[in-house]
Each structure stands twice: as C-alpha cells, then as structure tokens.
C-alpha cells in the first residue's frame, strides 16, 4: 500500500495542500526533509513523511460487518447506524 502511495508525489502534495499548507512552504519543507536524510528521500518520500507528521492518513478504508471482526485487526474505526 505505501509503495503505491510513494509512486505518486503529486497526490501526496495535493493532500497536504488541502490540509492548509501553502505550496511554497511545503516545497521548502520537502527540500529540508530531503537534506535531513542526506538526499536519500525522494520527493514523494519526503512529502509522505511530512504528511504523516501532520496526521494525514493514506490507507484505504475497508468496510466489514461487525460479525466479520477478528483478533489481530489494527486501527479499526466503528461506525454504527440503526
């Protein structure tokens, strides 16, 4: 899943901008993040790191029924209606 996200820097950047960070500021932060890691991060990797620091999630939501819940599931949100 993360590999698919890291193939699309534009999508990550778009999500960060939607959260309210101006693009020029974001591009500076991306450069700084890349420098921090000695140039080992791609633009997408740096943007992803910044997005995660901001609490932006990229995981796809999967809906299952309560009876299908099993041990070992992580990061589960419950939505109920009646």
PDB file of N, CA and C in Angstrom:
ATOM      1  N   UNK A   1       0.817  -1.191   0.000  1.00  0.00           N
ATOM      2  CA  UNK A   1       0.000   0.000   0.000  1.00  0.00           C
ATOM      3  C   UNK A   1       0.861   1.255   0.000  1.00  0.00           C
ATOM      4  N   UNK A   2       1.840   1.343   0.891  1.00  0.00           N
ATOM      5  CA  UNK A   2       2.701   2.523   0.953  1.00  0.00           C
ATOM      6  C   UNK A   2       3.471   2.683  -0.343  1.00  0.00           C
ATOM      7  N   UNK A   3       3.900   1.572  -0.936  1.00  0.00           N
ATOM      8  CA  UNK A   3       4.638   1.643  -2.199  1.00  0.00           C
ATOM      9  C   UNK A   3       3.794   2.307  -3.281  1.00  0.00           C
ATOM     10  N   UNK A   4       2.516   2.008  -3.314  1.00  0.00           N
ATOM     11  CA  UNK A   4       1.625   2.627  -4.295  1.00  0.00           C
ATOM     12  C   UNK A   4       1.505   4.126  -4.046  1.00  0.00           C
ATOM     13  N   UNK A   5       1.441   4.507  -2.793  1.00  0.00           N
ATOM     14  CA  UNK A   5       1.337   5.922  -2.439  1.00  0.00           C
ATOM     15  C   UNK A   5       2.606   6.655  -2.850  1.00  0.00           C
ATOM     16  N   UNK A   6       3.761   6.031  -2.598  1.00  0.00           N
ATOM     17  CA  UNK A   6       5.031   6.681  -2.886  1.00  0.00           C
ATOM     18  C   UNK A   6       5.323   6.781  -4.379  1.00  0.00           C
ATOM     19  N   UNK A   7       4.514   6.161  -5.205  1.00  0.00           N
ATOM     20  CA  UNK A   7       4.655   6.297  -6.654  1.00  0.00           C
ATOM     21  C   UNK A   7       4.012   7.579  -7.162  1.00  0.00           C
ATOM     22  N   UNK A   8       3.314   8.292  -6.300  1.00  0.00           N
ATOM     23  CA  UNK A   8       2.570   9.457  -6.750  1.00  0.00           C
ATOM     24  C   UNK A   8       2.795  10.655  -5.829  1.00  0.00           C
ATOM     25  N   UNK A   9       3.916  11.356  -6.016  1.00  0.00           N
ATOM     26  CA  UNK A   9       4.246  12.516  -5.191  1.00  0.00           C
ATOM     27  C   UNK A   9       3.170  13.594  -5.306  1.00  0.00           C
ATOM     28  N   UNK A  10       2.628  13.777  -6.511  1.00  0.00           N
ATOM     29  CA  UNK A  10       1.626  14.825  -6.716  1.00  0.00           C
ATOM     30  C   UNK A  10       0.395  14.622  -5.838  1.00  0.00           C
ATOM     31  N   UNK A  11      -0.010  13.377  -5.672  1.00  0.00           N
ATOM     32  CA  UNK A  11      -1.191  13.084  -4.849  1.00  0.00           C
ATOM     33  C   UNK A  11      -0.918  13.392  -3.376  1.00  0.00           C
ATOM     34  N   UNK A  12       0.269  13.071  -2.912  1.00  0.00           N
ATOM     35  CA  UNK A  12       0.639  13.353  -1.521  1.00  0.00           C
ATOM     36  C   UNK A  12       0.680  14.866  -1.311  1.00  0.00           C
ATOM     37  N   UNK A  13       1.323  15.558  -2.223  1.00  0.00           N
ATOM     38  CA  UNK A  13       1.438  17.020  -2.131  1.00  0.00           C
ATOM     39  C   UNK A  13       0.048  17.660  -2.143  1.00  0.00           C
ATOM     40  N   UNK A  14      -0.823  17.165  -2.991  1.00  0.00           N
ATOM     41  CA  UNK A  14      -2.189  17.683  -3.076  1.00  0.00           C
ATOM     42  C   UNK A  14      -2.916  17.550  -1.730  1.00  0.00           C
ATOM     43  N   UNK A  15      -2.773  16.387  -1.080  1.00  0.00           N
ATOM     44  CA  UNK A  15      -3.444  16.170   0.210  1.00  0.00           C
ATOM     45  C   UNK A  15      -2.918  17.125   1.273  1.00  0.00           C
ATOM     46  N   UNK A  16      -1.610  17.374   1.259  1.00  0.00           N
ATOM     47  CA  UNK A  16      -1.026  18.278   2.246  1.00  0.00           C
ATOM     48  C   UNK A  16      -1.538  19.700   2.017  1.00  0.00           C
ATOM     49  N   UNK A  17      -1.588  20.120   0.781  1.00  0.00           N
ATOM     50  CA  UNK A  17      -2.081  21.466   0.453  1.00  0.00           C
ATOM     51  C   UNK A  17      -3.551  21.599   0.849  1.00  0.00           C
ATOM     52  N   UNK A  18      -4.332  20.541   0.638  1.00  0.00           N
ATOM     53  CA  UNK A  18      -5.748  20.553   1.035  1.00  0.00           C
ATOM     54  C   UNK A  18      -5.905  20.729   2.539  1.00  0.00           C
ATOM     55  N   UNK A  19      -4.913  20.277   3.302  1.00  0.00           N
ATOM     56  CA  UNK A  19      -4.961  20.433   4.760  1.00  0.00           C
ATOM     57  C   UNK A  19      -4.579  21.842   5.189  1.00  0.00           C
ATOM     58  N   UNK A  20      -4.160  22.685   4.224  1.00  0.00           N
ATOM     59  CA  UNK A  20      -3.938  24.086   4.552  1.00  0.00           C
ATOM     60  C   UNK A  20      -2.508  24.587   4.477  1.00  0.00           C
ATOM     61  N   UNK A  21      -1.561  23.746   4.107  1.00  0.00           N
ATOM     62  CA  UNK A  21      -0.193  24.221   3.998  1.00  0.00           C
ATOM     63  C   UNK A  21       0.018  24.826   2.612  1.00  0.00           C
ATOM     64  N   UNK A  22       0.494  26.064   2.557  1.00  0.00           N
ATOM     65  CA  UNK A  22       0.754  26.683   1.251  1.00  0.00           C
ATOM     66  C   UNK A  22       1.842  25.920   0.486  1.00  0.00           C
ATOM     67  N   UNK A  23       1.674  25.837  -0.828  1.00  0.00           N
ATOM     68  CA  UNK A  23       2.607  25.058  -1.642  1.00  0.00           C
ATOM     69  C   UNK A  23       4.062  25.511  -1.505  1.00  0.00           C
ATOM     70  N   UNK A  24       4.351  26.820  -1.512  1.00  0.00           N
ATOM     71  CA  UNK A  24       5.766  27.224  -1.361  1.00  0.00           C
ATOM     72  C   UNK A  24       6.380  26.737  -0.037  1.00  0.00           C
ATOM     73  N   UNK A  25       5.605  26.825   1.029  1.00  0.00           N
ATOM     74  CA  UNK A  25       6.083  26.348   2.336  1.00  0.00           C
ATOM     75  C   UNK A  25       6.309  24.839   2.301  1.00  0.00           C
ATOM     76  N   UNK A  26       5.397  24.128   1.682  1.00  0.00           N
ATOM     77  CA  UNK A  26       5.527  22.675   1.583  1.00  0.00           C
ATOM     78  C   UNK A  26       6.781  22.292   0.805  1.00  0.00           C
ATOM     79  N   UNK A  27       7.022  22.962  -0.307  1.00  0.00           N
ATOM     80  CA  UNK A  27       8.190  22.625  -1.126  1.00  0.00           C
ATOM     81  C   UNK A  27       9.489  22.884  -0.357  1.00  0.00           C
ATOM     82  N   UNK A  28       9.515  23.931   0.465  1.00  0.00           N
ATOM     83  CA  UNK A  28      10.677  24.190   1.323  1.00  0.00           C
ATOM     84  C   UNK A  28      10.854  23.065   2.340  1.00  0.00           C
ATOM     85  N   UNK A  29       9.750  22.640   2.933  1.00  0.00           N
ATOM     86  CA  UNK A  29       9.814  21.557   3.920  1.00  0.00           C
ATOM     87  C   UNK A  29      10.271  20.250   3.274  1.00  0.00           C
ATOM     88  N   UNK A  30       9.834  19.997   2.061  1.00  0.00           N
ATOM     89  CA  UNK A  30      10.255  18.784   1.354  1.00  0.00           C
ATOM     90  C   UNK A  30      11.760  18.807   1.126  1.00  0.00           C
ATOM     91  N   UNK A  31      12.276  19.951   0.669  1.00  0.00           N
ATOM     92  CA  UNK A  31      13.725  20.078   0.457  1.00  0.00           C
ATOM     93  C   UNK A  31      14.487  19.879   1.756  1.00  0.00           C
ATOM     94  N   UNK A  32      13.982  20.497   2.834  1.00  0.00           N
ATOM     95  CA  UNK A  32      14.637  20.378   4.138  1.00  0.00           C
ATOM     96  C   UNK A  32      14.632  18.923   4.609  1.00  0.00           C
ATOM     97  N   UNK A  33      13.516  18.237   4.397  1.00  0.00           N
ATOM     98  CA  UNK A  33      13.406  16.831   4.813  1.00  0.00           C
ATOM     99  C   UNK A  33      14.388  15.971   4.025  1.00  0.00           C
ATOM    100  N   UNK A  34      14.518  16.243   2.720  1.00  0.00           N
ATOM    101  CA  UNK A  34      15.465  15.501   1.898  1.00  0.00           C
ATOM    102  C   UNK A  34      16.897  15.750   2.366  1.00  0.00           C
ATOM    103  N   UNK A  35      17.226  16.995   2.694  1.00  0.00           N
ATOM    104  CA  UNK A  35      18.564  17.325   3.194  1.00  0.00           C
ATOM    105  C   UNK A  35      18.822  16.658   4.540  1.00  0.00           C
ATOM    106  N   UNK A  36      17.793  16.627   5.386  1.00  0.00           N
ATOM    107  CA  UNK A  36      17.909  15.994   6.704  1.00  0.00           C
ATOM    108  C   UNK A  36      18.324  14.527   6.567  1.00  0.00           C
ATOM    109  N   UNK A  37      17.856  13.880   5.526  1.00  0.00           N
ATOM    110  CA  UNK A  37      18.174  12.468   5.298  1.00  0.00           C
ATOM    111  C   UNK A  37      19.267  12.280   4.254  1.00  0.00           C
ATOM    112  N   UNK A  38      20.061  13.308   4.069  1.00  0.00           N
ATOM    113  CA  UNK A  38      21.228  13.196   3.204  1.00  0.00           C
ATOM    114  C   UNK A  38      20.900  12.921   1.747  1.00  0.00           C
ATOM    115  N   UNK A  39      19.748  13.374   1.290  1.00  0.00           N
ATOM    116  CA  UNK A  39      19.367  13.172  -0.095  1.00  0.00           C
ATOM    117  C   UNK A  39      18.856  11.777  -0.410  1.00  0.00           C
ATOM    118  N   UNK A  40      18.637  10.977   0.611  1.00  0.00           N
ATOM    119  CA  UNK A  40      18.181   9.600   0.390  1.00  0.00           C
ATOM    120  C   UNK A  40      16.678   9.479   0.178  1.00  0.00           C
ATOM    121  N   UNK A  41      15.940  10.544   0.478  1.00  0.00           N
ATOM    122  CA  UNK A  41      14.488  10.508   0.280  1.00  0.00           C
ATOM    123  C   UNK A  41      14.120  11.112  -1.063  1.00  0.00           C
ATOM    124  N   UNK A  42      13.199  10.480  -1.739  1.00  0.00           N
ATOM    125  CA  UNK A  42      12.632  11.066  -2.953  1.00  0.00           C
ATOM    126  C   UNK A  42      11.696  12.199  -2.534  1.00  0.00           C
ATOM    127  N   UNK A  43      11.234  12.948  -3.501  1.00  0.00           N
ATOM    128  CA  UNK A  43      10.261  14.000  -3.208  1.00  0.00           C
ATOM    129  C   UNK A  43       9.009  13.389  -2.577  1.00  0.00           C
ATOM    130  N   UNK A  44       8.571  12.264  -3.116  1.00  0.00           N
ATOM    131  CA  UNK A  44       7.385  11.590  -2.581  1.00  0.00           C
ATOM    132  C   UNK A  44       7.626  11.090  -1.159  1.00  0.00           C
ATOM    133  N   UNK A  45       8.814  10.543  -0.908  1.00  0.00           N
ATOM    134  CA  UNK A  45       9.140  10.046   0.427  1.00  0.00           C
ATOM    135  C   UNK A  45       9.159  11.159   1.451  1.00  0.00           C
ATOM    136  N   UNK A  46       9.739  12.291   1.077  1.00  0.00           N
ATOM    137  CA  UNK A  46       9.789  13.439   1.987  1.00  0.00           C
ATOM    138  C   UNK A  46       8.378  13.979   2.224  1.00  0.00           C
ATOM    139  N   UNK A  47       7.584  14.083   1.161  1.00  0.00           N
ATOM    140  CA  UNK A  47       6.215  14.576   1.290  1.00  0.00           C
ATOM    141  C   UNK A  47       5.381  13.633   2.158  1.00  0.00           C
ATOM    142  N   UNK A  48       5.571  12.336   1.965  1.00  0.00           N
ATOM    143  CA  UNK A  48       4.839  11.341   2.764  1.00  0.00           C
ATOM    144  C   UNK A  48       5.185  11.497   4.251  1.00  0.00           C
ATOM    145  N   UNK A  49       6.467  11.684   4.535  1.00  0.00           N
ATOM    146  CA  UNK A  49       6.901  11.866   5.916  1.00  0.00           C
ATOM    147  C   UNK A  49       6.256  13.104   6.536  1.00  0.00           C
ATOM    148  N   UNK A  50       6.217  14.187   5.796  1.00  0.00           N
ATOM    149  CA  UNK A  50       5.592  15.419   6.275  1.00  0.00           C
ATOM    150  C   UNK A  50       4.098  15.203   6.488  1.00  0.00           C
ATOM    151  N   UNK A  51       3.463  14.533   5.552  1.00  0.00           N
ATOM    152  CA  UNK A  51       2.024  14.262   5.670  1.00  0.00           C
ATOM    153  C   UNK A  51       1.724  13.448   6.923  1.00  0.00           C
ATOM    154  N   UNK A  52       2.516  12.434   7.178  1.00  0.00           N
ATOM    155  CA  UNK A  52       2.294  11.594   8.370  1.00  0.00           C
ATOM    156  C   UNK A  52       2.493  12.412   9.644  1.00  0.00           C
ATOM    157  N   UNK A  53       3.488  13.316   9.649  1.00  0.00           N
ATOM    158  CA  UNK A  53       3.698  14.191  10.801  1.00  0.00           C
ATOM    159  C   UNK A  53       2.478  15.075  11.045  1.00  0.00           C
ATOM    160  N   UNK A  54       1.769  15.411   9.974  1.00  0.00           N
ATOM    161  CA  UNK A  54       0.561  16.241  10.073  1.00  0.00           C
ATOM    162  C   UNK A  54      -0.677  15.418  10.413  1.00  0.00           C
ATOM    163  N   UNK A  55      -0.532  14.105  10.479  1.00  0.00           N
ATOM    164  CA  UNK A  55      -1.662  13.239  10.807  1.00  0.00           C
ATOM    165  C   UNK A  55      -2.516  12.852   9.619  1.00  0.00           C
ATOM    166  N   UNK A  56      -1.993  13.053   8.418  1.00  0.00           N
ATOM    167  CA  UNK A  56      -2.742  12.698   7.211  1.00  0.00           C
ATOM    168  C   UNK A  56      -2.621  11.194   6.979  1.00  0.00           C
ATOM    169  N   UNK A  57      -3.745  10.550   6.794  1.00  0.00           N
ATOM    170  CA  UNK A  57      -3.784   9.107   6.562  1.00  0.00           C
ATOM    171  C   UNK A  57      -3.936   8.820   5.073  1.00  0.00           C
ATOM    172  N   UNK A  58      -3.346   7.737   4.626  1.00  0.00           N
ATOM    173  CA  UNK A  58      -3.420   7.356   3.227  1.00  0.00           C
ATOM    174  C   UNK A  58      -4.002   5.968   3.025  1.00  0.00           C
ATOM    175  N   UNK A  59      -4.294   5.282   4.070  1.00  0.00           N
ATOM    176  CA  UNK A  59      -4.784   3.917   3.971  1.00  0.00           C
ATOM    177  C   UNK A  59      -6.216   3.920   3.443  1.00  0.00           C
ATOM    178  N   UNK A  60      -6.511   2.975   2.614  1.00  0.00           N
ATOM    179  CA  UNK A  60      -7.873   2.837   2.117  1.00  0.00           C
ATOM    180  C   UNK A  60      -8.753   2.256   3.208  1.00  0.00           C
ATOM    181  N   UNK A  61      -9.948   2.783   3.294  1.00  0.00           N
ATOM    182  CA  UNK A  61     -10.892   2.250   4.272  1.00  0.00           C
ATOM    183  C   UNK A  61     -11.583   1.037   3.682  1.00  0.00           C
ATOM    184  N   UNK A  62     -11.674   0.007   4.480  1.00  0.00           N
ATOM    185  CA  UNK A  62     -12.407  -1.192   4.080  1.00  0.00           C
ATOM    186  C   UNK A  62     -13.546  -1.364   5.064  1.00  0.00           C
ATOM    187  N   UNK A  63     -14.701  -1.598   4.557  1.00  0.00           N
ATOM    188  CA  UNK A  63     -15.850  -1.790   5.425  1.00  0.00           C
ATOM    189  C   UNK A  63     -16.137  -3.273   5.563  1.00  0.00           C
ATOM    190  N   UNK A  64     -16.267  -3.692   6.813  1.00  0.00           N
ATOM    191  CA  UNK A  64     -16.655  -5.067   7.085  1.00  0.00           C
ATOM    192  C   UNK A  64     -17.758  -5.044   8.132  1.00  0.00           C
ATOM    193  N   UNK A  65     -18.462  -6.111   8.234  1.00  0.00           N
ATOM    194  CA  UNK A  65     -19.525  -6.221   9.223  1.00  0.00           C
ATOM    195  C   UNK A  65     -18.931  -6.585  10.574  1.00  0.00           C
ATOM    196  N   UNK A  66     -19.630  -6.217  11.625  1.00  0.00           N
ATOM    197  CA  UNK A  66     -19.144  -6.483  12.978  1.00  0.00           C
ATOM    198  C   UNK A  66     -18.882  -7.971  13.171  1.00  0.00           C
ATOM    199  N   UNK A  67     -19.732  -8.807  12.641  1.00  0.00           N
ATOM    200  CA  UNK A  67     -19.548 -10.250  12.813  1.00  0.00           C
ATOM    201  C   UNK A  67     -18.284 -10.755  12.109  1.00  0.00           C
ATOM    202  N   UNK A  68     -17.722  -9.955  11.203  1.00  0.00           N
ATOM    203  CA  UNK A  68     -16.508 -10.346  10.490  1.00  0.00           C
ATOM    204  C   UNK A  68     -15.224  -9.873  11.180  1.00  0.00           C
ATOM    205  N   UNK A  69     -15.360  -9.114  12.287  1.00  0.00           N
ATOM    206  CA  UNK A  69     -14.180  -8.664  13.026  1.00  0.00           C
ATOM    207  C   UNK A  69     -13.452  -9.868  13.619  1.00  0.00           C
ATOM    208  N   UNK A  70     -12.137  -9.836  13.564  1.00  0.00           N
ATOM    209  CA  UNK A  70     -11.340 -10.933  14.106  1.00  0.00           C
ATOM    210  C   UNK A  70     -10.202 -10.380  14.945  1.00  0.00           C
ATOM    211  N   UNK A  71      -9.601 -11.248  15.745  1.00  0.00           N
ATOM    212  CA  UNK A  71      -8.426 -10.861  16.518  1.00  0.00           C
ATOM    213  C   UNK A  71      -7.313 -10.441  15.568  1.00  0.00           C
ATOM    214  N   UNK A  72      -6.539  -9.468  16.007  1.00  0.00           N
ATOM    215  CA  UNK A  72      -5.390  -9.055  15.218  1.00  0.00           C
ATOM    216  C   UNK A  72      -5.637  -7.872  14.299  1.00  0.00           C
ATOM    217  N   UNK A  73      -6.882  -7.438  14.167  1.00  0.00           N
ATOM    218  CA  UNK A  73      -7.148  -6.261  13.348  1.00  0.00           C
ATOM    219  C   UNK A  73      -6.622  -5.027  14.071  1.00  0.00           C
ATOM    220  N   UNK A  74      -6.018  -4.127  13.322  1.00  0.00           N
ATOM    221  CA  UNK A  74      -5.485  -2.897  13.904  1.00  0.00           C
ATOM    222  C   UNK A  74      -6.167  -1.699  13.281  1.00  0.00           C
ATOM    223  N   UNK A  75      -6.169  -0.607  14.032  1.00  0.00           N
ATOM    224  CA  UNK A  75      -6.647   0.670  13.510  1.00  0.00           C
ATOM    225  C   UNK A  75      -8.079   0.562  12.990  1.00  0.00           C
ATOM    226  N   UNK A  76      -8.958   0.047  13.826  1.00  0.00           N
ATOM    227  CA  UNK A  76     -10.348  -0.179  13.437  1.00  0.00           C
ATOM    228  C   UNK A  76     -11.214   0.963  13.960  1.00  0.00           C
ATOM    229  N   UNK A  77     -12.009   1.537  13.076  1.00  0.00           N
ATOM    230  CA  UNK A  77     -12.993   2.539  13.463  1.00  0.00           C
ATOM    231  C   UNK A  77     -14.367   1.936  13.279  1.00  0.00           C
ATOM    232  N   UNK A  78     -15.231   2.164  14.231  1.00  0.00           N
ATOM    233  CA  UNK A  78     -16.564   1.589  14.181  1.00  0.00           C
ATOM    234  C   UNK A  78     -17.580   2.676  13.869  1.00  0.00           C
ATOM    235  N   UNK A  79     -18.381   2.427  12.867  1.00  0.00           N
ATOM    236  CA  UNK A  79     -19.483   3.319  12.523  1.00  0.00           C
ATOM    237  C   UNK A  79     -20.759   2.509  12.653  1.00  0.00           C
ATOM    238  N   UNK A  80     -21.693   3.039  13.424  1.00  0.00           N
ATOM    239  CA  UNK A  80     -22.943   2.296  13.646  1.00  0.00           C
ATOM    240  C   UNK A  80     -24.121   3.154  13.201  1.00  0.00           C
ATOM    241  N   UNK A  81     -25.138   2.491  12.766  1.00  0.00           N
ATOM    242  CA  UNK A  81     -26.384   3.167  12.416  1.00  0.00           C
ATOM    243  C   UNK A  81     -27.537   2.216  12.736  1.00  0.00           C
ATOM    244  N   UNK A  82     -28.672   2.806  12.935  1.00  0.00           N
ATOM    245  CA  UNK A  82     -29.851   1.970  13.191  1.00  0.00           C
ATOM    246  C   UNK A  82     -31.044   2.536  12.510  1.00  0.00           C
TER     247      UNK A  82
END
